[in-house]
Amino acid sequence: LKNSLWILIFSLSNPAWALSSDRNQPLNIQSDAAMIDDNNGLAIYTGNVMVTQGSIRIDADKVTINYSKKQDLEKVVAEGKPAKFKQTPDGGKADILAKSGRMEYFADKDTLHLLQNAEVRQAQDSFAAQRIMYDTKTGVIQADKGESKDGRISVVIQPRGDKTEKAEVAPPAEKPKSKQPK
């Protein structure tokens, strides 16, 4: 790969991370200030911004939203120190938590790009890198060190319950009987 980038594709045991109904929920936005340009399909929100859609929540200092002429959400760019993302998965699993300096959420593709010191967590599992691309529909994560020369990817996966078989311990071998002189 160009510039020897390490790319890791990681799929968690349950690919259905996102609530399947999130995409069909209304978009709610709260902020200190807003600029909306319907002619160009652009909205910019600044100051303590909170965006929610179903179980998805994004908290940031600034959020830029691009939408179609039909008012369909296309892209959300969140910037913060850090910007934060939260989503509840189907099946009662632990929430997915993410943070980074910049996030780009593509609603039509169900993908979240985390840029600048990115991290994704679910329960005690974590995934950290300079750049993480997370498919909220399939649960597939791609990560690399971005433009950083020294960056590394860090993955922590906790054991999953008592799935390991207990090893059977063989009885100790009998010592050979020594021959007694007669």
Protein backbone atom coordinates (compact mmCIF):
# COMPACT_ATOMS: atom_id res chain seq x y z
CA LEU A 1 0.00 0.00 0.00
CA LYS A 2 1.09 3.56 -0.69
CA ASN A 3 3.36 5.01 2.02
CA SER A 4 3.24 1.65 3.79
CA LEU A 5 -0.03 2.50 5.50
CA TRP A 6 -1.25 -0.21 7.79
CA ILE A 7 -4.86 -0.92 7.06
CA LEU A 8 -6.81 -3.14 9.38
CA ILE A 9 -10.27 -4.40 8.57
CA PHE A 10 -12.02 -5.60 11.68
CA SER A 11 -15.49 -7.06 11.95
CA LEU A 12 -16.94 -7.58 15.40
CA SER A 13 -18.82 -10.71 16.28
CA ASN A 14 -22.18 -8.98 15.87
CA PRO A 15 -22.30 -7.01 12.60
CA ALA A 16 -25.65 -5.37 13.44
CA TRP A 17 -24.30 -2.49 15.52
CA ALA A 18 -26.85 0.13 14.56
CA LEU A 19 -30.50 0.18 15.44
CA SER A 20 -32.15 -0.67 12.16
CA SER A 21 -34.73 2.10 12.63
CA ASP A 22 -32.25 5.01 13.12
CA ARG A 23 -32.16 6.07 9.50
CA ASN A 24 -35.94 6.53 9.40
CA GLN A 25 -36.12 8.75 12.49
CA PRO A 26 -36.36 12.56 12.49
CA LEU A 27 -33.18 14.63 12.78
CA ASN A 28 -33.08 16.88 15.87
CA ILE A 29 -30.47 19.63 16.35
CA GLN A 30 -29.72 21.91 19.28
CA SER A 31 -27.00 24.59 19.28
CA ASP A 32 -26.10 28.11 20.40
CA ALA A 33 -26.22 29.50 16.83
CA ALA A 34 -27.31 28.39 13.35
CA MET A 35 -27.00 29.43 9.71
CA ILE A 36 -29.31 27.64 7.26
CA ASP A 37 -29.09 28.02 3.46
CA ASP A 38 -31.92 26.00 1.88
CA ASN A 39 -30.94 27.05 -1.65
CA ASN A 40 -27.60 25.26 -1.30
CA GLY A 41 -28.69 22.45 1.05
CA LEU A 42 -26.38 23.64 3.84
CA ALA A 43 -26.77 24.24 7.55
CA ILE A 44 -24.00 25.22 9.99
CA TYR A 45 -24.54 24.95 13.74
CA THR A 46 -22.06 26.25 16.30
CA GLY A 47 -21.68 26.19 20.07
CA ASN A 48 -22.55 23.11 22.15
CA VAL A 49 -24.15 21.33 19.20
CA MET A 50 -26.16 18.16 19.78
CA VAL A 51 -27.52 16.19 16.81
CA THR A 52 -29.80 13.19 17.36
CA GLN A 53 -31.46 10.78 14.93
CA GLY A 54 -33.04 7.72 16.53
CA SER A 55 -30.39 6.25 18.83
CA ILE A 56 -27.59 8.24 17.15
CA ARG A 57 -26.23 11.23 19.04
CA ILE A 58 -23.41 13.54 17.96
CA ASP A 59 -21.99 16.22 20.30
CA ALA A 60 -19.60 18.82 18.87
CA ASP A 61 -18.44 22.43 18.83
CA LYS A 62 -19.48 22.87 15.17
CA VAL A 63 -21.69 20.78 12.91
CA THR A 64 -22.12 21.28 9.17
CA ILE A 65 -25.03 19.47 7.53
CA ASN A 66 -25.52 18.92 3.82
CA TYR A 67 -28.96 17.86 2.60
CA SER A 68 -30.68 17.27 -0.71
CA LYS A 69 -33.31 19.47 -2.36
CA LYS A 70 -35.88 17.00 -0.93
CA GLN A 71 -34.50 17.81 2.55
CA ASP A 72 -32.94 14.34 2.94
CA LEU A 73 -29.85 14.22 5.13
CA GLU A 74 -26.71 13.50 3.10
CA LYS A 75 -23.69 14.35 5.24
CA VAL A 76 -22.91 15.62 8.72
CA VAL A 77 -19.45 16.97 9.60
CA ALA A 78 -18.83 17.41 13.33
CA GLU A 79 -15.77 19.13 14.73
CA GLY A 80 -14.79 19.30 18.38
CA LYS A 81 -12.19 18.77 21.04
CA PRO A 82 -13.25 15.99 20.68
CA ALA A 83 -16.50 15.50 18.79
CA LYS A 84 -18.46 12.54 20.20
CA PHE A 85 -20.75 9.92 18.66
CA LYS A 86 -23.08 7.46 20.42
CA GLN A 87 -25.37 4.80 18.98
CA THR A 88 -27.45 2.00 20.47
CA PRO A 89 -27.25 -1.29 18.55
CA ASP A 90 -30.06 -3.76 17.92
CA GLY A 91 -30.31 -6.71 20.29
CA GLY A 92 -29.70 -4.92 23.60
CA LYS A 93 -25.92 -4.76 23.17
CA ALA A 94 -23.81 -2.08 24.84
CA ASP A 95 -23.81 1.35 23.18
CA ILE A 96 -21.20 2.18 20.55
CA LEU A 97 -19.20 5.24 21.62
CA ALA A 98 -16.80 7.12 19.36
CA LYS A 99 -14.75 10.30 19.56
CA SER A 100 -12.32 12.21 17.36
CA GLY A 101 -11.34 15.74 16.36
CA ARG A 102 -13.47 15.51 13.21
CA MET A 103 -16.32 13.19 12.24
CA GLU A 104 -17.99 12.80 8.90
CA TYR A 105 -21.29 10.91 8.95
CA PHE A 106 -22.70 9.87 5.55
CA ALA A 107 -26.38 9.09 6.17
CA ASP A 108 -27.06 7.56 2.76
CA LYS A 109 -24.17 5.09 3.19
CA ASP A 110 -24.55 4.55 6.96
CA THR A 111 -20.85 5.30 7.47
CA LEU A 112 -18.98 7.35 10.02
CA HIS A 113 -15.44 8.57 9.32
CA LEU A 114 -13.49 9.48 12.45
CA LEU A 115 -10.44 11.63 11.80
CA GLN A 116 -7.76 12.96 14.21
CA ASN A 117 -7.17 10.80 17.29
CA ALA A 118 -10.14 8.54 16.64
CA GLU A 119 -11.51 5.96 19.06
CA VAL A 120 -14.47 3.55 18.98
CA ARG A 121 -15.63 1.67 22.10
CA GLN A 122 -18.26 -0.92 22.87
CA ALA A 123 -18.37 -2.08 26.49
CA GLN A 124 -14.73 -2.86 27.36
CA ASP A 125 -13.60 -3.33 23.73
CA SER A 126 -11.84 -0.44 22.01
CA PHE A 127 -10.36 0.50 18.68
CA ALA A 128 -8.08 3.57 18.34
CA ALA A 129 -6.21 5.08 15.38
CA GLN A 130 -5.65 8.39 13.64
CA ARG A 131 -8.37 7.51 11.12
CA ILE A 132 -11.28 5.08 11.51
CA MET A 133 -14.03 4.39 8.98
CA TYR A 134 -17.03 2.71 10.63
CA ASP A 135 -19.95 1.21 8.69
CA THR A 136 -22.87 1.56 11.10
CA LYS A 137 -24.96 -0.90 9.08
CA THR A 138 -22.54 -3.83 8.80
CA GLY A 139 -20.30 -3.19 11.82
CA VAL A 140 -17.12 -3.21 9.71
CA ILE A 141 -14.31 -0.95 10.83
CA GLN A 142 -11.31 0.11 8.75
CA ALA A 143 -8.47 1.98 10.39
CA ASP A 144 -5.05 3.35 9.56
CA LYS A 145 -2.47 5.74 10.90
CA GLY A 146 -3.54 8.53 8.56
CA GLU A 147 -0.82 11.03 7.74
CA SER A 148 1.05 10.26 10.95
CA LYS A 149 4.51 8.74 10.46
CA ASP A 150 4.57 7.18 13.92
CA GLY A 151 0.91 6.30 14.41
CA ARG A 152 -0.20 2.84 15.39
CA ILE A 153 -3.58 1.15 15.62
CA SER A 154 -4.65 -0.09 19.03
CA VAL A 155 -7.30 -2.78 19.46
CA VAL A 156 -8.51 -4.23 22.77
CA ILE A 157 -10.94 -7.16 22.65
CA GLN A 158 -12.14 -8.67 25.91
CA PRO A 159 -12.81 -12.41 26.25
CA ARG A 160 -16.37 -13.37 25.36
CA GLY A 161 -17.83 -15.26 28.34
CA ASP A 162 -16.91 -18.84 29.16
CA LYS A 163 -16.39 -20.08 25.61
CA THR A 164 -13.04 -21.69 26.27
CA GLU A 165 -12.94 -25.36 26.99
CA LYS A 166 -11.26 -26.34 30.17
CA ALA A 167 -8.19 -28.40 29.49
CA GLU A 168 -8.26 -31.84 30.98
CA VAL A 169 -5.30 -32.53 33.15
CA ALA A 170 -3.81 -35.95 32.61
CA PRO A 171 -2.86 -37.86 35.74
CA PRO A 172 0.86 -37.88 36.41
CA ALA A 173 2.69 -40.70 34.74
CA GLU A 174 3.67 -43.53 37.04
CA LYS A 175 7.30 -43.64 37.94
CA PRO A 176 9.00 -46.73 36.59
CA LYS A 177 9.60 -49.23 39.36
CA SER A 178 13.22 -49.66 40.06
CA LYS A 179 14.53 -53.18 40.11
CA GLN A 180 15.54 -54.27 43.54
CA PRO A 181 18.65 -56.40 43.68
CA LYS A 182 17.94 -59.90 44.83
